[in-house]
Structure formats: C-alpha cells, structure tokens
Amino acid sequence: MPRVLSVINRLNIGGPTLHVAYLIKHLPSSYESLLVSGVIDDTEGSSNYILDDLGLKPIVIPEMYREINPLRDSITKDKKNN
C-alpha cells in the first residue's frame, strides 16, 4: 500500500490548509495517509473545522511554530538532547 505523509507548518485559515485537507481526503482508498502539523499562534484563526468536516485527524507537533524564537528553540533542543 502506498503511503503519503503530508506536513504543514500550521493549520491556520488559508489556502495551504484547504489544499492539503482536500488532497488527503480525495486520495484513492488504496493510499494510506498521515497529516502532521505544527500549532497556530494566538493571532491566527484555526481551520481545524475543515479537518473535522472531512473526518481528518492530524498529528500535532507542539514544537513546530510559525515564528522563530531562539530562546524557545534552544530550550526545546536542550530538552531533546538530555
């Protein structure tokens, strides 16, 4: 069975979310698919309702953010190395 991994930075309102959601939903049933996403920040609207309507359940990686933050990123890196 072919497998498709789709990774999107975040599921905010906009075209990329629609694109990946409909792409995954309309893959032939012979494909196994997995959607991985980061988190949206507090200033953005969520498009999780689109995924809910299509019956898609993403895996959310909390360490994936939109903004680069050297302090937070170094703390996350240090936690993983210990």
PDB file of N, CA and C in Angstrom:
ATOM      1  N   MET A   1       0.853  -1.180   0.000  1.00  0.00           N
ATOM      2  CA  MET A   1       0.000   0.000   0.000  1.00  0.00           C
ATOM      3  C   MET A   1       0.899   1.243   0.000  1.00  0.00           C
ATOM      4  N   PRO A   2       0.709   2.148  -0.937  1.00  0.00           N
ATOM      5  CA  PRO A   2       1.483   3.399  -0.941  1.00  0.00           C
ATOM      6  C   PRO A   2       1.110   4.264   0.265  1.00  0.00           C
ATOM      7  N   ARG A   3       2.090   4.951   0.792  1.00  0.00           N
ATOM      8  CA  ARG A   3       1.867   5.831   1.947  1.00  0.00           C
ATOM      9  C   ARG A   3       2.215   7.265   1.577  1.00  0.00           C
ATOM     10  N   VAL A   4       1.398   8.198   2.083  1.00  0.00           N
ATOM     11  CA  VAL A   4       1.623   9.616   1.826  1.00  0.00           C
ATOM     12  C   VAL A   4       1.705  10.327   3.174  1.00  0.00           C
ATOM     13  N   LEU A   5       2.799  11.048   3.381  1.00  0.00           N
ATOM     14  CA  LEU A   5       2.968  11.870   4.576  1.00  0.00           C
ATOM     15  C   LEU A   5       2.858  13.330   4.147  1.00  0.00           C
ATOM     16  N   SER A   6       1.905  14.046   4.730  1.00  0.00           N
ATOM     17  CA  SER A   6       1.739  15.473   4.448  1.00  0.00           C
ATOM     18  C   SER A   6       2.112  16.247   5.703  1.00  0.00           C
ATOM     19  N   VAL A   7       3.034  17.185   5.547  1.00  0.00           N
ATOM     20  CA  VAL A   7       3.482  18.008   6.671  1.00  0.00           C
ATOM     21  C   VAL A   7       3.138  19.446   6.343  1.00  0.00           C
ATOM     22  N   ILE A   8       2.432  20.098   7.252  1.00  0.00           N
ATOM     23  CA  ILE A   8       2.075  21.503   7.085  1.00  0.00           C
ATOM     24  C   ILE A   8       2.478  22.239   8.354  1.00  0.00           C
ATOM     25  N   ASN A   9       3.032  23.422   8.161  1.00  0.00           N
ATOM     26  CA  ASN A   9       3.551  24.187   9.289  1.00  0.00           C
ATOM     27  C   ASN A   9       2.492  24.424  10.358  1.00  0.00           C
ATOM     28  N   ARG A  10       1.312  24.815   9.928  1.00  0.00           N
ATOM     29  CA  ARG A  10       0.233  25.061  10.881  1.00  0.00           C
ATOM     30  C   ARG A  10      -1.102  25.022  10.140  1.00  0.00           C
ATOM     31  N   LEU A  11      -2.158  24.811  10.891  1.00  0.00           N
ATOM     32  CA  LEU A  11      -3.496  24.702  10.313  1.00  0.00           C
ATOM     33  C   LEU A  11      -4.280  25.987  10.560  1.00  0.00           C
ATOM     34  N   ASN A  12      -3.730  27.083  10.053  1.00  0.00           N
ATOM     35  CA  ASN A  12      -4.435  28.353  10.157  1.00  0.00           C
ATOM     36  C   ASN A  12      -5.373  28.507   8.958  1.00  0.00           C
ATOM     37  N   ILE A  13      -6.196  29.536   8.997  1.00  0.00           N
ATOM     38  CA  ILE A  13      -7.141  29.758   7.913  1.00  0.00           C
ATOM     39  C   ILE A  13      -6.375  30.207   6.673  1.00  0.00           C
ATOM     40  N   GLY A  14      -6.602  29.514   5.573  1.00  0.00           N
ATOM     41  CA  GLY A  14      -5.929  29.892   4.334  1.00  0.00           C
ATOM     42  C   GLY A  14      -5.852  28.743   3.353  1.00  0.00           C
ATOM     43  N   GLY A  15      -5.316  29.057   2.197  1.00  0.00           N
ATOM     44  CA  GLY A  15      -5.249  28.111   1.097  1.00  0.00           C
ATOM     45  C   GLY A  15      -4.455  26.852   1.358  1.00  0.00           C
ATOM     46  N   PRO A  16      -3.276  26.933   1.989  1.00  0.00           N
ATOM     47  CA  PRO A  16      -2.498  25.702   2.201  1.00  0.00           C
ATOM     48  C   PRO A  16      -3.256  24.639   2.995  1.00  0.00           C
ATOM     49  N   THR A  17      -4.016  25.067   3.998  1.00  0.00           N
ATOM     50  CA  THR A  17      -4.790  24.098   4.777  1.00  0.00           C
ATOM     51  C   THR A  17      -5.856  23.438   3.910  1.00  0.00           C
ATOM     52  N   LEU A  18      -6.558  24.246   3.127  1.00  0.00           N
ATOM     53  CA  LEU A  18      -7.574  23.679   2.233  1.00  0.00           C
ATOM     54  C   LEU A  18      -6.940  22.707   1.244  1.00  0.00           C
ATOM     55  N   HIS A  19      -5.817  23.095   0.687  1.00  0.00           N
ATOM     56  CA  HIS A  19      -5.138  22.263  -0.299  1.00  0.00           C
ATOM     57  C   HIS A  19      -4.771  20.901   0.289  1.00  0.00           C
ATOM     58  N   VAL A  20      -4.090  20.901   1.407  1.00  0.00           N
ATOM     59  CA  VAL A  20      -3.641  19.629   1.980  1.00  0.00           C
ATOM     60  C   VAL A  20      -4.826  18.793   2.464  1.00  0.00           C
ATOM     61  N   ALA A  21      -5.852  19.433   3.022  1.00  0.00           N
ATOM     62  CA  ALA A  21      -7.011  18.691   3.522  1.00  0.00           C
ATOM     63  C   ALA A  21      -7.753  17.979   2.391  1.00  0.00           C
ATOM     64  N   TYR A  22      -8.023  18.691   1.307  1.00  0.00           N
ATOM     65  CA  TYR A  22      -8.743  18.071   0.192  1.00  0.00           C
ATOM     66  C   TYR A  22      -7.882  17.057  -0.557  1.00  0.00           C
ATOM     67  N   LEU A  23      -6.596  17.310  -0.623  1.00  0.00           N
ATOM     68  CA  LEU A  23      -5.688  16.344  -1.241  1.00  0.00           C
ATOM     69  C   LEU A  23      -5.725  15.018  -0.491  1.00  0.00           C
ATOM     70  N   ILE A  24      -5.622  15.084   0.816  1.00  0.00           N
ATOM     71  CA  ILE A  24      -5.635  13.860   1.622  1.00  0.00           C
ATOM     72  C   ILE A  24      -7.004  13.177   1.548  1.00  0.00           C
ATOM     73  N   LYS A  25      -8.055  13.953   1.684  1.00  0.00           N
ATOM     74  CA  LYS A  25      -9.408  13.383   1.686  1.00  0.00           C
ATOM     75  C   LYS A  25      -9.733  12.654   0.382  1.00  0.00           C
ATOM     76  N   HIS A  26      -9.228  13.162  -0.734  1.00  0.00           N
ATOM     77  CA  HIS A  26      -9.612  12.601  -2.023  1.00  0.00           C
ATOM     78  C   HIS A  26      -8.546  11.697  -2.641  1.00  0.00           C
ATOM     79  N   LEU A  27      -7.588  11.263  -1.824  1.00  0.00           N
ATOM     80  CA  LEU A  27      -6.662  10.235  -2.305  1.00  0.00           C
ATOM     81  C   LEU A  27      -7.431   8.935  -2.509  1.00  0.00           C
ATOM     82  N   PRO A  28      -7.030   8.129  -3.444  1.00  0.00           N
ATOM     83  CA  PRO A  28      -7.691   6.829  -3.593  1.00  0.00           C
ATOM     84  C   PRO A  28      -7.579   6.017  -2.297  1.00  0.00           C
ATOM     85  N   SER A  29      -8.542   5.183  -2.058  1.00  0.00           N
ATOM     86  CA  SER A  29      -8.553   4.388  -0.819  1.00  0.00           C
ATOM     87  C   SER A  29      -7.378   3.420  -0.735  1.00  0.00           C
ATOM     88  N   SER A  30      -6.682   3.220  -1.829  1.00  0.00           N
ATOM     89  CA  SER A  30      -5.514   2.337  -1.810  1.00  0.00           C
ATOM     90  C   SER A  30      -4.290   3.015  -1.175  1.00  0.00           C
ATOM     91  N   TYR A  31      -4.408   4.290  -0.823  1.00  0.00           N
ATOM     92  CA  TYR A  31      -3.316   5.034  -0.189  1.00  0.00           C
ATOM     93  C   TYR A  31      -3.559   5.159   1.309  1.00  0.00           C
ATOM     94  N   GLU A  32      -2.492   5.022   2.054  1.00  0.00           N
ATOM     95  CA  GLU A  32      -2.528   5.304   3.489  1.00  0.00           C
ATOM     96  C   GLU A  32      -1.915   6.693   3.666  1.00  0.00           C
ATOM     97  N   SER A  33      -2.607   7.580   4.399  1.00  0.00           N
ATOM     98  CA  SER A  33      -2.095   8.944   4.530  1.00  0.00           C
ATOM     99  C   SER A  33      -2.012   9.355   5.986  1.00  0.00           C
ATOM    100  N   LEU A  34      -1.088  10.278   6.238  1.00  0.00           N
ATOM    101  CA  LEU A  34      -0.885  10.822   7.567  1.00  0.00           C
ATOM    102  C   LEU A  34      -0.628  12.320   7.421  1.00  0.00           C
ATOM    103  N   LEU A  35      -1.323  13.118   8.220  1.00  0.00           N
ATOM    104  CA  LEU A  35      -1.154  14.562   8.218  1.00  0.00           C
ATOM    105  C   LEU A  35      -0.489  14.982   9.515  1.00  0.00           C
ATOM    106  N   VAL A  36       0.618  15.718   9.394  1.00  0.00           N
ATOM    107  CA  VAL A  36       1.355  16.225  10.546  1.00  0.00           C
ATOM    108  C   VAL A  36       1.359  17.740  10.473  1.00  0.00           C
ATOM    109  N   SER A  37       1.113  18.383  11.609  1.00  0.00           N
ATOM    110  CA  SER A  37       1.029  19.837  11.640  1.00  0.00           C
ATOM    111  C   SER A  37       1.686  20.388  12.891  1.00  0.00           C
ATOM    112  N   GLY A  38       2.105  21.661  12.765  1.00  0.00           N
ATOM    113  CA  GLY A  38       2.527  22.415  13.936  1.00  0.00           C
ATOM    114  C   GLY A  38       1.318  23.105  14.536  1.00  0.00           C
ATOM    115  N   VAL A  39       1.578  24.013  15.458  1.00  0.00           N
ATOM    116  CA  VAL A  39       0.490  24.730  16.123  1.00  0.00           C
ATOM    117  C   VAL A  39       0.374  26.144  15.577  1.00  0.00           C
ATOM    118  N   ILE A  40      -0.830  26.681  15.636  1.00  0.00           N
ATOM    119  CA  ILE A  40      -1.037  28.068  15.219  1.00  0.00           C
ATOM    120  C   ILE A  40      -0.774  28.965  16.426  1.00  0.00           C
ATOM    121  N   ASP A  41      -0.463  30.229  16.152  1.00  0.00           N
ATOM    122  CA  ASP A  41      -0.265  31.139  17.279  1.00  0.00           C
ATOM    123  C   ASP A  41      -1.585  31.840  17.613  1.00  0.00           C
ATOM    124  N   ASP A  42      -1.560  32.598  18.690  1.00  0.00           N
ATOM    125  CA  ASP A  42      -2.787  33.213  19.204  1.00  0.00           C
ATOM    126  C   ASP A  42      -3.368  34.287  18.287  1.00  0.00           C
ATOM    127  N   THR A  43      -2.598  34.758  17.322  1.00  0.00           N
ATOM    128  CA  THR A  43      -3.075  35.824  16.437  1.00  0.00           C
ATOM    129  C   THR A  43      -3.768  35.292  15.190  1.00  0.00           C
ATOM    130  N   GLU A  44      -3.814  33.973  15.025  1.00  0.00           N
ATOM    131  CA  GLU A  44      -4.368  33.375  13.807  1.00  0.00           C
ATOM    132  C   GLU A  44      -5.657  32.623  14.102  1.00  0.00           C
ATOM    133  N   GLY A  45      -6.502  32.549  13.096  1.00  0.00           N
ATOM    134  CA  GLY A  45      -7.706  31.744  13.210  1.00  0.00           C
ATOM    135  C   GLY A  45      -7.398  30.296  12.849  1.00  0.00           C
ATOM    136  N   SER A  46      -8.076  29.380  13.490  1.00  0.00           N
ATOM    137  CA  SER A  46      -7.867  27.960  13.254  1.00  0.00           C
ATOM    138  C   SER A  46      -8.769  27.455  12.132  1.00  0.00           C
ATOM    139  N   SER A  47      -8.239  26.546  11.352  1.00  0.00           N
ATOM    140  CA  SER A  47      -9.062  25.907  10.325  1.00  0.00           C
ATOM    141  C   SER A  47      -9.313  24.439  10.653  1.00  0.00           C
ATOM    142  N   ASN A  48      -9.220  24.102  11.927  1.00  0.00           N
ATOM    143  CA  ASN A  48      -9.491  22.719  12.329  1.00  0.00           C
ATOM    144  C   ASN A  48     -10.901  22.272  11.958  1.00  0.00           C
ATOM    145  N   TYR A  49     -11.823  23.219  11.839  1.00  0.00           N
ATOM    146  CA  TYR A  49     -13.191  22.868  11.466  1.00  0.00           C
ATOM    147  C   TYR A  49     -13.238  22.214  10.081  1.00  0.00           C
ATOM    148  N   ILE A  50     -12.322  22.591   9.196  1.00  0.00           N
ATOM    149  CA  ILE A  50     -12.264  21.981   7.869  1.00  0.00           C
ATOM    150  C   ILE A  50     -11.880  20.514   7.996  1.00  0.00           C
ATOM    151  N   LEU A  51     -10.865  20.252   8.798  1.00  0.00           N
ATOM    152  CA  LEU A  51     -10.440  18.862   9.007  1.00  0.00           C
ATOM    153  C   LEU A  51     -11.536  18.061   9.693  1.00  0.00           C
ATOM    154  N   ASP A  52     -12.197  18.666  10.675  1.00  0.00           N
ATOM    155  CA  ASP A  52     -13.296  17.979  11.360  1.00  0.00           C
ATOM    156  C   ASP A  52     -14.400  17.606  10.371  1.00  0.00           C
ATOM    157  N   ASP A  53     -14.770  18.550   9.494  1.00  0.00           N
ATOM    158  CA  ASP A  53     -15.816  18.292   8.498  1.00  0.00           C
ATOM    159  C   ASP A  53     -15.438  17.155   7.547  1.00  0.00           C
ATOM    160  N   LEU A  54     -14.130  17.029   7.262  1.00  0.00           N
ATOM    161  CA  LEU A  54     -13.662  15.985   6.340  1.00  0.00           C
ATOM    162  C   LEU A  54     -13.282  14.694   7.050  1.00  0.00           C
ATOM    163  N   GLY A  55     -13.376  14.685   8.381  1.00  0.00           N
ATOM    164  CA  GLY A  55     -13.042  13.478   9.143  1.00  0.00           C
ATOM    165  C   GLY A  55     -11.554  13.195   9.210  1.00  0.00           C
ATOM    166  N   LEU A  56     -10.733  14.238   9.153  1.00  0.00           N
ATOM    167  CA  LEU A  56      -9.278  14.068   9.194  1.00  0.00           C
ATOM    168  C   LEU A  56      -8.755  14.396  10.585  1.00  0.00           C
ATOM    169  N   LYS A  57      -7.805  13.596  11.049  1.00  0.00           N
ATOM    170  CA  LYS A  57      -7.215  13.789  12.375  1.00  0.00           C
ATOM    171  C   LYS A  57      -5.715  13.967  12.225  1.00  0.00           C
ATOM    172  N   PRO A  58      -5.229  15.205  12.339  1.00  0.00           N
ATOM    173  CA  PRO A  58      -3.788  15.414  12.202  1.00  0.00           C
ATOM    174  C   PRO A  58      -3.039  15.034  13.476  1.00  0.00           C
ATOM    175  N   ILE A  59      -1.765  14.765  13.324  1.00  0.00           N
ATOM    176  CA  ILE A  59      -0.857  14.644  14.464  1.00  0.00           C
ATOM    177  C   ILE A  59      -0.226  16.019  14.616  1.00  0.00           C
ATOM    178  N   VAL A  60      -0.376  16.621  15.787  1.00  0.00           N
ATOM    179  CA  VAL A  60       0.139  17.970  16.030  1.00  0.00           C
ATOM    180  C   VAL A  60       1.445  17.866  16.813  1.00  0.00           C
ATOM    181  N   ILE A  61       2.469  18.513  16.284  1.00  0.00           N
ATOM    182  CA  ILE A  61       3.768  18.549  16.950  1.00  0.00           C
ATOM    183  C   ILE A  61       3.899  19.909  17.632  1.00  0.00           C
ATOM    184  N   PRO A  62       3.844  19.943  18.965  1.00  0.00           N
ATOM    185  CA  PRO A  62       3.838  21.221  19.679  1.00  0.00           C
ATOM    186  C   PRO A  62       5.092  22.066  19.464  1.00  0.00           C
ATOM    187  N   GLU A  63       6.191  21.456  19.100  1.00  0.00           N
ATOM    188  CA  GLU A  63       7.434  22.202  18.897  1.00  0.00           C
ATOM    189  C   GLU A  63       7.504  22.909  17.542  1.00  0.00           C
ATOM    190  N   MET A  64       6.536  22.663  16.672  1.00  0.00           N
ATOM    191  CA  MET A  64       6.514  23.334  15.371  1.00  0.00           C
ATOM    192  C   MET A  64       5.695  24.617  15.477  1.00  0.00           C
ATOM    193  N   TYR A  65       6.388  25.748  15.368  1.00  0.00           N
ATOM    194  CA  TYR A  65       5.761  27.069  15.456  1.00  0.00           C
ATOM    195  C   TYR A  65       6.000  27.844  14.181  1.00  0.00           C
ATOM    196  N   ARG A  66       5.229  28.903  14.000  1.00  0.00           N
ATOM    197  CA  ARG A  66       5.417  29.787  12.857  1.00  0.00           C
ATOM    198  C   ARG A  66       6.666  30.639  13.036  1.00  0.00           C
ATOM    199  N   GLU A  67       6.764  31.282  14.179  1.00  0.00           N
ATOM    200  CA  GLU A  67       7.840  32.229  14.434  1.00  0.00           C
ATOM    201  C   GLU A  67       9.099  31.536  14.949  1.00  0.00           C
ATOM    202  N   ILE A  68      10.227  32.020  14.502  1.00  0.00           N
ATOM    203  CA  ILE A  68      11.498  31.557  15.042  1.00  0.00           C
ATOM    204  C   ILE A  68      11.723  32.291  16.360  1.00  0.00           C
ATOM    205  N   ASN A  69      12.062  31.548  17.398  1.00  0.00           N
ATOM    206  CA  ASN A  69      12.314  32.125  18.702  1.00  0.00           C
ATOM    207  C   ASN A  69      13.566  31.446  19.253  1.00  0.00           C
ATOM    208  N   PRO A  70      14.737  32.082  19.152  1.00  0.00           N
ATOM    209  CA  PRO A  70      15.983  31.432  19.554  1.00  0.00           C
ATOM    210  C   PRO A  70      15.970  30.890  20.982  1.00  0.00           C
ATOM    211  N   LEU A  71      15.375  31.629  21.921  1.00  0.00           N
ATOM    212  CA  LEU A  71      15.345  31.149  23.298  1.00  0.00           C
ATOM    213  C   LEU A  71      14.503  29.875  23.413  1.00  0.00           C
ATOM    214  N   ARG A  72      13.282  29.913  22.911  1.00  0.00           N
ATOM    215  CA  ARG A  72      12.405  28.740  22.984  1.00  0.00           C
ATOM    216  C   ARG A  72      12.992  27.571  22.197  1.00  0.00           C
ATOM    217  N   ASP A  73      13.537  27.870  21.018  1.00  0.00           N
ATOM    218  CA  ASP A  73      14.108  26.806  20.194  1.00  0.00           C
ATOM    219  C   ASP A  73      15.307  26.157  20.862  1.00  0.00           C
ATOM    220  N   SER A  74      16.141  26.929  21.557  1.00  0.00           N
ATOM    221  CA  SER A  74      17.298  26.333  22.228  1.00  0.00           C
ATOM    222  C   SER A  74      16.868  25.515  23.437  1.00  0.00           C
ATOM    223  N   ILE A  75      15.829  25.949  24.131  1.00  0.00           N
ATOM    224  CA  ILE A  75      15.318  25.170  25.270  1.00  0.00           C
ATOM    225  C   ILE A  75      14.762  23.842  24.776  1.00  0.00           C
ATOM    226  N   THR A  76      13.995  23.869  23.694  1.00  0.00           N
ATOM    227  CA  THR A  76      13.446  22.639  23.121  1.00  0.00           C
ATOM    228  C   THR A  76      14.574  21.710  22.685  1.00  0.00           C
ATOM    229  N   LYS A  77      15.581  22.245  22.056  1.00  0.00           N
ATOM    230  CA  LYS A  77      16.716  21.449  21.618  1.00  0.00           C
ATOM    231  C   LYS A  77      17.434  20.823  22.806  1.00  0.00           C
ATOM    232  N   ASP A  78      17.650  21.615  23.878  1.00  0.00           N
ATOM    233  CA  ASP A  78      18.331  21.104  25.069  1.00  0.00           C
ATOM    234  C   ASP A  78      17.532  19.984  25.715  1.00  0.00           C
ATOM    235  N   LYS A  79      16.199  20.107  25.768  1.00  0.00           N
ATOM    236  CA  LYS A  79      15.365  19.057  26.360  1.00  0.00           C
ATOM    237  C   LYS A  79      15.495  17.752  25.599  1.00  0.00           C
ATOM    238  N   LYS A  80      15.584  17.833  24.273  1.00  0.00           N
ATOM    239  CA  LYS A  80      15.680  16.628  23.448  1.00  0.00           C
ATOM    240  C   LYS A  80      17.045  15.974  23.572  1.00  0.00           C
ATOM    241  N   ASN A  81      18.088  16.757  23.857  1.00  0.00           N
ATOM    242  CA  ASN A  81      19.439  16.198  23.962  1.00  0.00           C
ATOM    243  C   ASN A  81      19.706  15.582  25.318  1.00  0.00           C
ATOM    244  N   ASN A  82      18.851  15.800  26.299  1.00  0.00           N
ATOM    245  CA  ASN A  82      19.057  15.224  27.641  1.00  0.00           C
ATOM    246  C   ASN A  82      18.323  13.945  27.822  1.00  0.00           C
TER     247      ASN A  82
END
